[in-house]
Amino acid sequence: FSDIALSPQTSAWSIGSAFLTGALLEISTHPKPGLVTPRSNGAHRDM
């Protein structure tokens, strides 16, 4: 957000990194009803 003059490739890398970081932080939270957490598979038998 602070690097406005980045090239599209650098911006794409930053956006992709932000999405991946968000997904990994999301899996780290507990409790979440029906969702996978470090402590529970939630409603998922296959994950």
All heavy atoms as atom14 arrays in JSON, in Angstrom:
{
  "sequence": "FSDIALSPQTSAWSIGSAFLTGALLEISTHPKPGLVTPRSNGAHRDM",
  "atom14_mask": [
    [1, 1, 1, 1, 1, 1, 1, 1, 1, 1, 1, 0, 0, 0],
    [1, 1, 1, 1, 1, 1, 0, 0, 0, 0, 0, 0, 0, 0],
    [1, 1, 1, 1, 1, 1, 1, 1, 0, 0, 0, 0, 0, 0],
    [1, 1, 1, 1, 1, 1, 1, 1, 0, 0, 0, 0, 0, 0],
    [1, 1, 1, 1, 1, 0, 0, 0, 0, 0, 0, 0, 0, 0],
    [1, 1, 1, 1, 1, 1, 1, 1, 0, 0, 0, 0, 0, 0],
    [1, 1, 1, 1, 1, 1, 0, 0, 0, 0, 0, 0, 0, 0],
    [1, 1, 1, 1, 1, 1, 1, 0, 0, 0, 0, 0, 0, 0],
    [1, 1, 1, 1, 1, 1, 1, 1, 1, 0, 0, 0, 0, 0],
    [1, 1, 1, 1, 1, 1, 1, 0, 0, 0, 0, 0, 0, 0],
    [1, 1, 1, 1, 1, 1, 0, 0, 0, 0, 0, 0, 0, 0],
    [1, 1, 1, 1, 1, 0, 0, 0, 0, 0, 0, 0, 0, 0],
    [1, 1, 1, 1, 1, 1, 1, 1, 1, 1, 1, 1, 1, 1],
    [1, 1, 1, 1, 1, 1, 0, 0, 0, 0, 0, 0, 0, 0],
    [1, 1, 1, 1, 1, 1, 1, 1, 0, 0, 0, 0, 0, 0],
    [1, 1, 1, 1, 0, 0, 0, 0, 0, 0, 0, 0, 0, 0],
    [1, 1, 1, 1, 1, 1, 0, 0, 0, 0, 0, 0, 0, 0],
    [1, 1, 1, 1, 1, 0, 0, 0, 0, 0, 0, 0, 0, 0],
    [1, 1, 1, 1, 1, 1, 1, 1, 1, 1, 1, 0, 0, 0],
    [1, 1, 1, 1, 1, 1, 1, 1, 0, 0, 0, 0, 0, 0],
    [1, 1, 1, 1, 1, 1, 1, 0, 0, 0, 0, 0, 0, 0],
    [1, 1, 1, 1, 0, 0, 0, 0, 0, 0, 0, 0, 0, 0],
    [1, 1, 1, 1, 1, 0, 0, 0, 0, 0, 0, 0, 0, 0],
    [1, 1, 1, 1, 1, 1, 1, 1, 0, 0, 0, 0, 0, 0],
    [1, 1, 1, 1, 1, 1, 1, 1, 0, 0, 0, 0, 0, 0],
    [1, 1, 1, 1, 1, 1, 1, 1, 1, 0, 0, 0, 0, 0],
    [1, 1, 1, 1, 1, 1, 1, 1, 0, 0, 0, 0, 0, 0],
    [1, 1, 1, 1, 1, 1, 0, 0, 0, 0, 0, 0, 0, 0],
    [1, 1, 1, 1, 1, 1, 1, 0, 0, 0, 0, 0, 0, 0],
    [1, 1, 1, 1, 1, 1, 1, 1, 1, 1, 0, 0, 0, 0],
    [1, 1, 1, 1, 1, 1, 1, 0, 0, 0, 0, 0, 0, 0],
    [1, 1, 1, 1, 1, 1, 1, 1, 1, 0, 0, 0, 0, 0],
    [1, 1, 1, 1, 1, 1, 1, 0, 0, 0, 0, 0, 0, 0],
    [1, 1, 1, 1, 0, 0, 0, 0, 0, 0, 0, 0, 0, 0],
    [1, 1, 1, 1, 1, 1, 1, 1, 0, 0, 0, 0, 0, 0],
    [1, 1, 1, 1, 1, 1, 1, 0, 0, 0, 0, 0, 0, 0],
    [1, 1, 1, 1, 1, 1, 1, 0, 0, 0, 0, 0, 0, 0],
    [1, 1, 1, 1, 1, 1, 1, 0, 0, 0, 0, 0, 0, 0],
    [1, 1, 1, 1, 1, 1, 1, 1, 1, 1, 1, 0, 0, 0],
    [1, 1, 1, 1, 1, 1, 0, 0, 0, 0, 0, 0, 0, 0],
    [1, 1, 1, 1, 1, 1, 1, 1, 0, 0, 0, 0, 0, 0],
    [1, 1, 1, 1, 0, 0, 0, 0, 0, 0, 0, 0, 0, 0],
    [1, 1, 1, 1, 1, 0, 0, 0, 0, 0, 0, 0, 0, 0],
    [1, 1, 1, 1, 1, 1, 1, 1, 1, 1, 0, 0, 0, 0],
    [1, 1, 1, 1, 1, 1, 1, 1, 1, 1, 1, 0, 0, 0],
    [1, 1, 1, 1, 1, 1, 1, 1, 0, 0, 0, 0, 0, 0],
    [1, 1, 1, 1, 1, 1, 1, 1, 0, 0, 0, 0, 0, 0]
  ],
  "atom14_positions": [
    [[0.8, -1.21, 0.0], [0.0, 0.0, 0.0], [0.84, 1.27, 0.0], [0.39, 2.31, -0.44], [-0.95, 0.01, 1.2], [-1.98, -1.07, 1.11], [-1.89, -2.2, 1.9], [-3.03, -0.97, 0.21], [-2.84, -3.2, 1.8], [-3.99, -1.97, 0.11], [-3.89, -3.08, 0.91], [0.0, 0.0, 0.0], [0.0, 0.0, 0.0], [0.0, 0.0, 0.0]],
    [[2.06, 1.2, 0.46], [2.9, 2.39, 0.51], [3.78, 2.55, -0.74], [4.36, 3.58, -0.95], [3.79, 2.36, 1.75], [4.67, 1.27, 1.69], [0.0, 0.0, 0.0], [0.0, 0.0, 0.0], [0.0, 0.0, 0.0], [0.0, 0.0, 0.0], [0.0, 0.0, 0.0], [0.0, 0.0, 0.0], [0.0, 0.0, 0.0], [0.0, 0.0, 0.0]],
    [[3.84, 1.52, -1.6], [4.69, 1.57, -2.8], [3.84, 1.77, -4.04], [3.6, 0.86, -4.82], [5.49, 0.26, -2.94], [6.5, 0.09, -1.82], [6.92, 1.13, -1.27], [6.84, -1.04, -1.51], [0.0, 0.0, 0.0], [0.0, 0.0, 0.0], [0.0, 0.0, 0.0], [0.0, 0.0, 0.0], [0.0, 0.0, 0.0], [0.0, 0.0, 0.0]],
    [[3.39, 2.98, -4.27], [2.49, 3.27, -5.38], [3.19, 3.11, -6.73], [2.58, 2.7, -7.7], [1.93, 4.71, -5.25], [1.23, 4.89, -3.91], [1.01, 5.05, -6.41], [0.1, 3.93, -3.66], [0.0, 0.0, 0.0], [0.0, 0.0, 0.0], [0.0, 0.0, 0.0], [0.0, 0.0, 0.0], [0.0, 0.0, 0.0], [0.0, 0.0, 0.0]],
    [[4.48, 3.39, -6.83], [5.19, 3.39, -8.11], [5.77, 2.02, -8.48], [6.65, 1.95, -9.31], [6.3, 4.42, -8.08], [0.0, 0.0, 0.0], [0.0, 0.0, 0.0], [0.0, 0.0, 0.0], [0.0, 0.0, 0.0], [0.0, 0.0, 0.0], [0.0, 0.0, 0.0], [0.0, 0.0, 0.0], [0.0, 0.0, 0.0], [0.0, 0.0, 0.0]],
    [[5.29, 0.94, -7.92], [5.81, -0.38, -8.24], [5.38, -0.81, -9.64], [4.33, -0.42, -10.13], [5.29, -1.41, -7.23], [5.85, -1.32, -5.83], [5.14, -2.32, -4.93], [7.33, -1.58, -5.81], [0.0, 0.0, 0.0], [0.0, 0.0, 0.0], [0.0, 0.0, 0.0], [0.0, 0.0, 0.0], [0.0, 0.0, 0.0], [0.0, 0.0, 0.0]],
    [[6.2, -1.63, -10.27], [5.83, -2.19, -11.56], [4.69, -3.19, -11.36], [4.5, -3.7, -10.26], [7.03, -2.9, -12.18], [7.31, -4.08, -11.46], [0.0, 0.0, 0.0], [0.0, 0.0, 0.0], [0.0, 0.0, 0.0], [0.0, 0.0, 0.0], [0.0, 0.0, 0.0], [0.0, 0.0, 0.0], [0.0, 0.0, 0.0], [0.0, 0.0, 0.0]],
    [[3.94, -3.5, -12.44], [2.85, -4.48, -12.29], [3.33, -5.83, -11.78], [2.65, -6.47, -10.99], [2.28, -4.59, -13.7], [2.62, -3.3, -14.34], [3.94, -2.87, -13.74], [0.0, 0.0, 0.0], [0.0, 0.0, 0.0], [0.0, 0.0, 0.0], [0.0, 0.0, 0.0], [0.0, 0.0, 0.0], [0.0, 0.0, 0.0], [0.0, 0.0, 0.0]],
    [[4.54, -6.28, -12.19], [5.03, -7.57, -11.73], [5.33, -7.55, -10.24], [5.02, -8.49, -9.52], [6.29, -7.98, -12.52], [6.02, -8.31, -13.97], [5.84, -7.07, -14.85], [6.21, -5.96, -14.46], [5.25, -7.25, -16.0], [0.0, 0.0, 0.0], [0.0, 0.0, 0.0], [0.0, 0.0, 0.0], [0.0, 0.0, 0.0], [0.0, 0.0, 0.0]],
    [[5.96, -6.46, -9.77], [6.26, -6.34, -8.34], [4.98, -6.22, -7.54], [4.83, -6.83, -6.48], [7.18, -5.14, -8.08], [8.34, -5.27, -8.87], [7.57, -5.04, -6.62], [0.0, 0.0, 0.0], [0.0, 0.0, 0.0], [0.0, 0.0, 0.0], [0.0, 0.0, 0.0], [0.0, 0.0, 0.0], [0.0, 0.0, 0.0], [0.0, 0.0, 0.0]],
    [[4.02, -5.47, -8.04], [2.73, -5.33, -7.36], [2.01, -6.67, -7.32], [1.42, -7.02, -6.29], [1.86, -4.3, -8.08], [2.43, -3.03, -8.0], [0.0, 0.0, 0.0], [0.0, 0.0, 0.0], [0.0, 0.0, 0.0], [0.0, 0.0, 0.0], [0.0, 0.0, 0.0], [0.0, 0.0, 0.0], [0.0, 0.0, 0.0], [0.0, 0.0, 0.0]],
    [[2.06, -7.42, -8.41], [1.41, -8.73, -8.44], [2.03, -9.66, -7.41], [1.33, -10.41, -6.74], [1.49, -9.33, -9.84], [0.0, 0.0, 0.0], [0.0, 0.0, 0.0], [0.0, 0.0, 0.0], [0.0, 0.0, 0.0], [0.0, 0.0, 0.0], [0.0, 0.0, 0.0], [0.0, 0.0, 0.0], [0.0, 0.0, 0.0], [0.0, 0.0, 0.0]],
    [[3.34, -9.61, -7.27], [4.01, -10.44, -6.27], [3.56, -10.04, -4.88], [3.29, -10.89, -4.03], [5.53, -10.3, -6.41], [6.25, -11.21, -5.48], [6.81, -10.88, -4.28], [6.47, -12.62, -5.65], [7.37, -11.99, -3.7], [7.17, -13.07, -4.51], [6.14, -13.52, -6.64], [7.54, -14.39, -4.35], [6.51, -14.84, -6.48], [7.2, -15.26, -5.35]],
    [[3.45, -8.75, -4.62], [3.01, -8.27, -3.31], [1.57, -8.67, -3.03], [1.23, -9.07, -1.91], [3.15, -6.75, -3.22], [4.5, -6.39, -3.3], [0.0, 0.0, 0.0], [0.0, 0.0, 0.0], [0.0, 0.0, 0.0], [0.0, 0.0, 0.0], [0.0, 0.0, 0.0], [0.0, 0.0, 0.0], [0.0, 0.0, 0.0], [0.0, 0.0, 0.0]],
    [[0.71, -8.56, -4.03], [-0.7, -8.95, -3.86], [-0.8, -10.45, -3.61], [-1.51, -10.9, -2.7], [-1.53, -8.53, -5.08], [-1.61, -7.01, -5.17], [-2.92, -9.14, -5.04], [-2.14, -6.5, -6.49], [0.0, 0.0, 0.0], [0.0, 0.0, 0.0], [0.0, 0.0, 0.0], [0.0, 0.0, 0.0], [0.0, 0.0, 0.0], [0.0, 0.0, 0.0]],
    [[-0.1, -11.24, -4.4], [-0.11, -12.69, -4.2], [0.41, -13.07, -2.82], [-0.15, -13.95, -2.16], [0.0, 0.0, 0.0], [0.0, 0.0, 0.0], [0.0, 0.0, 0.0], [0.0, 0.0, 0.0], [0.0, 0.0, 0.0], [0.0, 0.0, 0.0], [0.0, 0.0, 0.0], [0.0, 0.0, 0.0], [0.0, 0.0, 0.0], [0.0, 0.0, 0.0]],
    [[1.45, -12.39, -2.37], [2.0, -12.64, -1.03], [0.98, -12.28, 0.05], [0.86, -12.98, 1.06], [3.28, -11.82, -0.81], [4.28, -12.25, -1.68], [0.0, 0.0, 0.0], [0.0, 0.0, 0.0], [0.0, 0.0, 0.0], [0.0, 0.0, 0.0], [0.0, 0.0, 0.0], [0.0, 0.0, 0.0], [0.0, 0.0, 0.0], [0.0, 0.0, 0.0]],
    [[0.25, -11.2, -0.17], [-0.77, -10.79, 0.81], [-1.87, -11.83, 0.9], [-2.34, -12.16, 2.01], [-1.34, -9.43, 0.43], [0.0, 0.0, 0.0], [0.0, 0.0, 0.0], [0.0, 0.0, 0.0], [0.0, 0.0, 0.0], [0.0, 0.0, 0.0], [0.0, 0.0, 0.0], [0.0, 0.0, 0.0], [0.0, 0.0, 0.0], [0.0, 0.0, 0.0]],
    [[-2.32, -12.36, -0.23], [-3.34, -13.41, -0.21], [-2.85, -14.66, 0.5], [-3.58, -15.25, 1.3], [-3.8, -13.77, -1.63], [-4.87, -12.86, -2.16], [-4.58, -11.95, -3.14], [-6.17, -12.93, -1.68], [-5.56, -11.1, -3.64], [-7.16, -12.11, -2.16], [-6.86, -11.18, -3.14], [0.0, 0.0, 0.0], [0.0, 0.0, 0.0], [0.0, 0.0, 0.0]],
    [[-1.62, -15.07, 0.22], [-1.07, -16.26, 0.86], [-0.92, -16.03, 2.36], [-1.27, -16.91, 3.16], [0.27, -16.63, 0.24], [0.94, -17.88, 0.8], [0.03, -19.1, 0.64], [2.27, -18.11, 0.12], [0.0, 0.0, 0.0], [0.0, 0.0, 0.0], [0.0, 0.0, 0.0], [0.0, 0.0, 0.0], [0.0, 0.0, 0.0], [0.0, 0.0, 0.0]],
    [[-0.43, -14.87, 2.75], [-0.29, -14.55, 4.17], [-1.65, -14.59, 4.86], [-1.79, -15.16, 5.95], [0.35, -13.16, 4.35], [1.64, -13.17, 3.76], [0.46, -12.78, 5.82], [0.0, 0.0, 0.0], [0.0, 0.0, 0.0], [0.0, 0.0, 0.0], [0.0, 0.0, 0.0], [0.0, 0.0, 0.0], [0.0, 0.0, 0.0], [0.0, 0.0, 0.0]],
    [[-2.67, -14.03, 4.21], [-4.02, -14.05, 4.78], [-4.55, -15.45, 4.96], [-5.14, -15.78, 6.0], [0.0, 0.0, 0.0], [0.0, 0.0, 0.0], [0.0, 0.0, 0.0], [0.0, 0.0, 0.0], [0.0, 0.0, 0.0], [0.0, 0.0, 0.0], [0.0, 0.0, 0.0], [0.0, 0.0, 0.0], [0.0, 0.0, 0.0], [0.0, 0.0, 0.0]],
    [[-4.33, -16.31, 3.99], [-4.79, -17.7, 4.09], [-4.1, -18.43, 5.23], [-4.74, -19.16, 6.0], [-4.56, -18.44, 2.77], [0.0, 0.0, 0.0], [0.0, 0.0, 0.0], [0.0, 0.0, 0.0], [0.0, 0.0, 0.0], [0.0, 0.0, 0.0], [0.0, 0.0, 0.0], [0.0, 0.0, 0.0], [0.0, 0.0, 0.0], [0.0, 0.0, 0.0]],
    [[-2.79, -18.22, 5.36], [-2.05, -18.91, 6.42], [-2.39, -18.35, 7.8], [-2.42, -19.09, 8.78], [-0.55, -18.84, 6.14], [-0.11, -19.59, 4.89], [1.37, -19.37, 4.62], [-0.43, -21.07, 4.99], [0.0, 0.0, 0.0], [0.0, 0.0, 0.0], [0.0, 0.0, 0.0], [0.0, 0.0, 0.0], [0.0, 0.0, 0.0], [0.0, 0.0, 0.0]],
    [[-2.65, -17.06, 7.89], [-3.08, -16.5, 9.18], [-4.49, -16.97, 9.53], [-4.8, -17.22, 10.69], [-3.02, -14.97, 9.15], [-1.63, -14.36, 9.14], [-1.71, -12.85, 8.94], [-0.88, -14.69, 10.43], [0.0, 0.0, 0.0], [0.0, 0.0, 0.0], [0.0, 0.0, 0.0], [0.0, 0.0, 0.0], [0.0, 0.0, 0.0], [0.0, 0.0, 0.0]],
    [[-5.34, -17.11, 8.53], [-6.71, -17.57, 8.76], [-6.73, -18.98, 9.34], [-7.48, -19.28, 10.26], [-7.51, -17.52, 7.46], [-8.99, -17.82, 7.62], [-9.33, -19.3, 7.56], [-8.61, -20.06, 6.87], [-10.3, -19.71, 8.21], [0.0, 0.0, 0.0], [0.0, 0.0, 0.0], [0.0, 0.0, 0.0], [0.0, 0.0, 0.0], [0.0, 0.0, 0.0]],
    [[-5.9, -19.86, 8.82], [-5.88, -21.23, 9.31], [-5.36, -21.31, 10.75], [-5.63, -22.25, 11.47], [-5.05, -22.15, 8.38], [-5.23, -23.64, 8.73], [-3.58, -21.82, 8.42], [-6.59, -24.16, 8.48], [0.0, 0.0, 0.0], [0.0, 0.0, 0.0], [0.0, 0.0, 0.0], [0.0, 0.0, 0.0], [0.0, 0.0, 0.0], [0.0, 0.0, 0.0]],
    [[-4.65, -20.28, 11.17], [-4.05, -20.27, 12.5], [-5.02, -19.9, 13.61], [-4.69, -20.05, 14.78], [-2.87, -19.29, 12.53], [-1.92, -19.65, 11.57], [0.0, 0.0, 0.0], [0.0, 0.0, 0.0], [0.0, 0.0, 0.0], [0.0, 0.0, 0.0], [0.0, 0.0, 0.0], [0.0, 0.0, 0.0], [0.0, 0.0, 0.0], [0.0, 0.0, 0.0]],
    [[-6.18, -19.38, 13.27], [-7.11, -18.92, 14.31], [-8.0, -20.06, 14.8], [-8.31, -21.0, 14.07], [-8.0, -17.77, 13.79], [-8.75, -18.24, 12.67], [-7.16, -16.58, 13.39], [0.0, 0.0, 0.0], [0.0, 0.0, 0.0], [0.0, 0.0, 0.0], [0.0, 0.0, 0.0], [0.0, 0.0, 0.0], [0.0, 0.0, 0.0], [0.0, 0.0, 0.0]],
    [[-8.41, -19.95, 16.05], [-9.29, -20.94, 16.67], [-10.09, -20.22, 17.74], [-9.55, -19.36, 18.42], [-8.47, -22.07, 17.3], [-9.29, -23.12, 17.95], [-9.86, -24.14, 17.23], [-9.67, -23.3, 19.23], [-10.54, -24.92, 18.06], [-10.43, -24.42, 19.28], [0.0, 0.0, 0.0], [0.0, 0.0, 0.0], [0.0, 0.0, 0.0], [0.0, 0.0, 0.0]],
    [[-11.33, -20.46, 17.93], [-12.22, -21.4, 17.24], [-12.91, -20.76, 16.04], [-13.07, -19.55, 15.97], [-13.23, -21.75, 18.31], [-13.36, -20.51, 19.13], [-11.98, -19.89, 19.11], [0.0, 0.0, 0.0], [0.0, 0.0, 0.0], [0.0, 0.0, 0.0], [0.0, 0.0, 0.0], [0.0, 0.0, 0.0], [0.0, 0.0, 0.0], [0.0, 0.0, 0.0]],
    [[-13.31, -21.61, 15.11], [-14.11, -21.21, 13.95], [-15.1, -22.33, 13.7], [-14.7, -23.47, 13.48], [-13.25, -21.01, 12.71], [-12.21, -19.91, 12.83], [-11.4, -19.79, 11.57], [-10.56, -21.04, 11.42], [-9.52, -20.95, 10.41], [0.0, 0.0, 0.0], [0.0, 0.0, 0.0], [0.0, 0.0, 0.0], [0.0, 0.0, 0.0], [0.0, 0.0, 0.0]],
    [[-16.38, -22.05, 13.76], [-17.37, -23.12, 13.6], [-17.28, -23.81, 12.24], [-17.41, -23.17, 11.2], [-18.72, -22.43, 13.77], [-18.43, -21.0, 13.98], [-16.98, -20.77, 13.95], [0.0, 0.0, 0.0], [0.0, 0.0, 0.0], [0.0, 0.0, 0.0], [0.0, 0.0, 0.0], [0.0, 0.0, 0.0], [0.0, 0.0, 0.0], [0.0, 0.0, 0.0]],
    [[-17.01, -25.1, 12.24], [-17.02, -25.89, 11.02], [-15.78, -25.78, 10.16], [-15.69, -26.43, 9.13], [0.0, 0.0, 0.0], [0.0, 0.0, 0.0], [0.0, 0.0, 0.0], [0.0, 0.0, 0.0], [0.0, 0.0, 0.0], [0.0, 0.0, 0.0], [0.0, 0.0, 0.0], [0.0, 0.0, 0.0], [0.0, 0.0, 0.0], [0.0, 0.0, 0.0]],
    [[-14.82, -24.93, 10.53], [-13.64, -24.73, 9.7], [-12.41, -25.36, 10.34], [-12.34, -25.55, 11.55], [-13.4, -23.23, 9.48], [-14.55, -22.49, 8.78], [-14.26, -21.02, 8.72], [-14.78, -23.05, 7.39], [0.0, 0.0, 0.0], [0.0, 0.0, 0.0], [0.0, 0.0, 0.0], [0.0, 0.0, 0.0], [0.0, 0.0, 0.0], [0.0, 0.0, 0.0]],
    [[-11.42, -25.65, 9.51], [-10.17, -26.26, 9.98], [-9.37, -25.25, 10.81], [-9.26, -24.09, 10.44], [-9.33, -26.74, 8.78], [-7.99, -27.29, 9.24], [-10.1, -27.79, 7.99], [0.0, 0.0, 0.0], [0.0, 0.0, 0.0], [0.0, 0.0, 0.0], [0.0, 0.0, 0.0], [0.0, 0.0, 0.0], [0.0, 0.0, 0.0], [0.0, 0.0, 0.0]],
    [[-8.85, -25.72, 11.93], [-7.99, -24.92, 12.79], [-6.8, -25.79, 13.21], [-6.8, -27.0, 12.95], [-8.72, -24.43, 14.06], [-8.9, -25.53, 14.94], [-10.06, -23.8, 13.74], [0.0, 0.0, 0.0], [0.0, 0.0, 0.0], [0.0, 0.0, 0.0], [0.0, 0.0, 0.0], [0.0, 0.0, 0.0], [0.0, 0.0, 0.0], [0.0, 0.0, 0.0]],
    [[-5.8, -25.22, 13.87], [-4.7, -26.06, 14.36], [-5.16, -27.12, 15.36], [-4.51, -28.14, 15.53], [-3.76, -25.06, 15.03], [-4.04, -23.77, 14.36], [-5.51, -23.8, 14.06], [0.0, 0.0, 0.0], [0.0, 0.0, 0.0], [0.0, 0.0, 0.0], [0.0, 0.0, 0.0], [0.0, 0.0, 0.0], [0.0, 0.0, 0.0], [0.0, 0.0, 0.0]],
    [[-6.3, -26.91, 16.0], [-6.79, -27.84, 17.02], [-7.87, -28.79, 16.52], [-8.22, -29.74, 17.21], [-7.36, -27.06, 18.2], [-6.36, -26.22, 18.91], [-7.0, -25.6, 20.1], [-6.22, -24.49, 20.61], [-6.61, -23.7, 21.57], [-7.79, -23.88, 22.13], [-5.84, -22.71, 21.97], [0.0, 0.0, 0.0], [0.0, 0.0, 0.0], [0.0, 0.0, 0.0]],
    [[-8.47, -28.48, 15.35], [-9.64, -29.25, 14.93], [-9.73, -29.3, 13.4], [-9.34, -28.36, 12.72], [-10.89, -28.58, 15.5], [-12.06, -29.1, 14.91], [0.0, 0.0, 0.0], [0.0, 0.0, 0.0], [0.0, 0.0, 0.0], [0.0, 0.0, 0.0], [0.0, 0.0, 0.0], [0.0, 0.0, 0.0], [0.0, 0.0, 0.0], [0.0, 0.0, 0.0]],
    [[-10.31, -30.39, 12.9], [-10.61, -30.48, 11.47], [-11.96, -29.87, 11.15], [-12.37, -29.86, 9.99], [-10.6, -31.94, 11.02], [-9.21, -32.53, 11.05], [-8.25, -31.86, 11.38], [-9.12, -33.8, 10.72], [0.0, 0.0, 0.0], [0.0, 0.0, 0.0], [0.0, 0.0, 0.0], [0.0, 0.0, 0.0], [0.0, 0.0, 0.0], [0.0, 0.0, 0.0]],
    [[-12.66, -29.38, 12.16], [-13.98, -28.8, 11.95], [-14.92, -29.82, 11.34], [-14.96, -30.97, 11.76], [0.0, 0.0, 0.0], [0.0, 0.0, 0.0], [0.0, 0.0, 0.0], [0.0, 0.0, 0.0], [0.0, 0.0, 0.0], [0.0, 0.0, 0.0], [0.0, 0.0, 0.0], [0.0, 0.0, 0.0], [0.0, 0.0, 0.0], [0.0, 0.0, 0.0]],
    [[-15.66, -29.42, 10.33], [-16.6, -30.31, 9.67], [-15.95, -31.11, 8.54], [-16.62, -31.85, 7.84], [-17.77, -29.49, 9.11], [0.0, 0.0, 0.0], [0.0, 0.0, 0.0], [0.0, 0.0, 0.0], [0.0, 0.0, 0.0], [0.0, 0.0, 0.0], [0.0, 0.0, 0.0], [0.0, 0.0, 0.0], [0.0, 0.0, 0.0], [0.0, 0.0, 0.0]],
    [[-14.65, -30.97, 8.38], [-13.95, -31.6, 7.25], [-13.3, -32.91, 7.68], [-12.44, -32.93, 8.55], [-12.87, -30.66, 6.7], [-13.41, -29.37, 6.21], [-13.96, -29.24, 4.96], [-13.51, -28.16, 6.8], [-14.37, -28.0, 4.79], [-14.11, -27.32, 5.88], [0.0, 0.0, 0.0], [0.0, 0.0, 0.0], [0.0, 0.0, 0.0], [0.0, 0.0, 0.0]],
    [[-13.7, -34.0, 7.05], [-13.04, -35.28, 7.3], [-11.84, -35.44, 6.38], [-10.97, -36.27, 6.64], [-14.01, -36.43, 7.09], [-15.09, -36.49, 8.17], [-15.95, -37.66, 7.98], [-16.72, -37.45, 6.74], [-17.83, -38.08, 6.43], [-18.3, -38.99, 7.23], [-18.46, -37.82, 5.31], [0.0, 0.0, 0.0], [0.0, 0.0, 0.0], [0.0, 0.0, 0.0]],
    [[-11.8, -34.66, 5.29], [-10.74, -34.82, 4.29], [-9.7, -33.7, 4.32], [-8.88, -33.59, 3.42], [-11.37, -34.88, 2.9], [-12.15, -33.62, 2.56], [-12.48, -32.85, 3.48], [-12.44, -33.42, 1.37], [0.0, 0.0, 0.0], [0.0, 0.0, 0.0], [0.0, 0.0, 0.0], [0.0, 0.0, 0.0], [0.0, 0.0, 0.0], [0.0, 0.0, 0.0]],
    [[-9.72, -32.87, 5.35], [-8.77, -31.76, 5.43], [-8.35, -31.55, 6.87], [-9.14, -31.7, 7.8], [-9.41, -30.47, 4.9], [-8.43, -29.32, 4.78], [-9.18, -27.74, 4.3], [-10.14, -28.16, 2.89], [0.0, 0.0, 0.0], [0.0, 0.0, 0.0], [0.0, 0.0, 0.0], [0.0, 0.0, 0.0], [0.0, 0.0, 0.0], [0.0, 0.0, 0.0]]
  ]
}
